[in-house]
Every structure is written in structure tokens, then in C-alpha cells.
Amino acid sequence: KAISKYHKYRKDGAHGDCLNRSQVNKLNELSPDKLQLIALQLSDFANHSLYVVMAITPTRKSYQ
């Protein structure tokens, strides 16, 4: 299942910008396992001011 949207998150939890369409398309070519690995590696090495790319999967539930 393709991932519909990506956001950049700062390590401190602040929201950043949405990625542009071509960045989303590139990330959608990667397997979910690889995306997870990338997110984990970025989390490990990024300091709080750098952006971490996290995948957001489409969901029917909305958490308020």
C-alpha cells in the first residue's frame, strides 16, 4: 500500500514542511522496511534542529 503523505518532523517533535510531490514519489519507491530503517537512522543521528523524515500511512481513524 503506497504511503500518501510524508512530513518532516524535527527530533523535538515540532512539525516541519510537507515534502513535495517528487520527493514523495521517490520515497514511495522504497519498501516500508527501508523507510523504517531510514527513519530510525535519522532519529539516531539527527540533533534536535535537523529534520527527520517520517512516513505517514493513510488511516480512516483521525486522532484529535
C-alpha atoms as a PDB file:
ATOM      1  CA  LYS A   1       0.000   0.000   0.000  1.00  0.00           C
ATOM      2  CA  ALA A   2       1.519   3.296  -1.066  1.00  0.00           C
ATOM      3  CA  ILE A   3       2.062   5.975   1.510  1.00  0.00           C
ATOM      4  CA  SER A   4       0.029   9.035   0.671  1.00  0.00           C
ATOM      5  CA  LYS A   5       1.872  11.754   2.505  1.00  0.00           C
ATOM      6  CA  TYR A   6       5.158  12.493   4.179  1.00  0.00           C
ATOM      7  CA  HIS A   7       6.026  15.150   6.696  1.00  0.00           C
ATOM      8  CA  LYS A   8       9.336  16.239   8.070  1.00  0.00           C
ATOM      9  CA  TYR A   9       9.439  16.111  11.837  1.00  0.00           C
ATOM     10  CA  ARG A  10      12.081  17.716  13.975  1.00  0.00           C
ATOM     11  CA  LYS A  11      13.609  15.461  16.574  1.00  0.00           C
ATOM     12  CA  ASP A  12      11.983  17.643  19.252  1.00  0.00           C
ATOM     13  CA  GLY A  13       8.581  16.833  17.776  1.00  0.00           C
ATOM     14  CA  ALA A  14       7.856  20.124  16.006  1.00  0.00           C
ATOM     15  CA  HIS A  15       6.200  19.802  12.606  1.00  0.00           C
ATOM     16  CA  GLY A  16       8.072  20.886   9.513  1.00  0.00           C
ATOM     17  CA  ASP A  17       7.014  21.262   5.898  1.00  0.00           C
ATOM     18  CA  CYS A  18       5.330  18.611   3.784  1.00  0.00           C
ATOM     19  CA  LEU A  19       7.604  17.079   1.210  1.00  0.00           C
ATOM     20  CA  ASN A  20       6.997  17.986  -2.405  1.00  0.00           C
ATOM     21  CA  ARG A  21       5.403  15.571  -4.878  1.00  0.00           C
ATOM     22  CA  SER A  22       8.646  14.307  -6.423  1.00  0.00           C
ATOM     23  CA  GLN A  23      10.154  13.627  -3.000  1.00  0.00           C
ATOM     24  CA  VAL A  24       7.046  11.656  -2.047  1.00  0.00           C
ATOM     25  CA  ASN A  25       7.264   9.676  -5.290  1.00  0.00           C
ATOM     26  CA  LYS A  26      10.912   8.804  -4.611  1.00  0.00           C
ATOM     27  CA  LEU A  27      10.103   7.659  -1.096  1.00  0.00           C
ATOM     28  CA  ASN A  28       7.160   5.588  -2.338  1.00  0.00           C
ATOM     29  CA  GLU A  29       9.597   3.572  -4.462  1.00  0.00           C
ATOM     30  CA  LEU A  30      11.306   2.330  -1.302  1.00  0.00           C
ATOM     31  CA  SER A  31       9.993  -0.640   0.638  1.00  0.00           C
ATOM     32  CA  PRO A  32       8.336   0.021   4.024  1.00  0.00           C
ATOM     33  CA  ASP A  33      11.216  -1.782   5.743  1.00  0.00           C
ATOM     34  CA  LYS A  34      13.709   0.553   4.127  1.00  0.00           C
ATOM     35  CA  LEU A  35      11.660   3.611   5.064  1.00  0.00           C
ATOM     36  CA  GLN A  36      11.546   2.423   8.659  1.00  0.00           C
ATOM     37  CA  LEU A  37      15.314   1.932   8.672  1.00  0.00           C
ATOM     38  CA  ILE A  38      15.901   5.419   7.265  1.00  0.00           C
ATOM     39  CA  ALA A  39      13.629   6.967   9.882  1.00  0.00           C
ATOM     40  CA  LEU A  40      15.423   5.098  12.665  1.00  0.00           C
ATOM     41  CA  GLN A  41      18.865   6.074  11.418  1.00  0.00           C
ATOM     42  CA  LEU A  42      17.856   9.719  11.136  1.00  0.00           C
ATOM     43  CA  SER A  43      16.410   9.600  14.645  1.00  0.00           C
ATOM     44  CA  ASP A  44      19.660   8.195  15.988  1.00  0.00           C
ATOM     45  CA  PHE A  45      21.959  10.713  14.361  1.00  0.00           C
ATOM     46  CA  ALA A  46      19.939  13.894  13.929  1.00  0.00           C
ATOM     47  CA  ASN A  47      20.197  16.596  16.532  1.00  0.00           C
ATOM     48  CA  HIS A  48      17.027  18.377  17.590  1.00  0.00           C
ATOM     49  CA  SER A  49      17.325  21.109  14.971  1.00  0.00           C
ATOM     50  CA  LEU A  50      17.567  18.742  11.990  1.00  0.00           C
ATOM     51  CA  TYR A  51      14.576  17.299  10.202  1.00  0.00           C
ATOM     52  CA  VAL A  52      13.678  13.641  10.396  1.00  0.00           C
ATOM     53  CA  VAL A  53      11.589  12.200   7.581  1.00  0.00           C
ATOM     54  CA  MET A  54       8.746  10.112   8.889  1.00  0.00           C
ATOM     55  CA  ALA A  55       6.235   8.177   6.819  1.00  0.00           C
ATOM     56  CA  ILE A  56       2.549   8.763   7.468  1.00  0.00           C
ATOM     57  CA  THR A  57       0.277   5.958   6.354  1.00  0.00           C
ATOM     58  CA  PRO A  58      -3.296   6.691   5.322  1.00  0.00           C
ATOM     59  CA  THR A  59      -5.761   5.809   8.037  1.00  0.00           C
ATOM     60  CA  ARG A  60      -9.501   6.014   8.440  1.00  0.00           C
ATOM     61  CA  LYS A  61      -9.289   6.977  12.081  1.00  0.00           C
ATOM     62  CA  SER A  62      -8.368  10.526  12.973  1.00  0.00           C
ATOM     63  CA  TYR A  63      -6.733  11.187  16.293  1.00  0.00           C
ATOM     64  CA  GLN A  64      -7.615  14.554  17.714  1.00  0.00           C
END
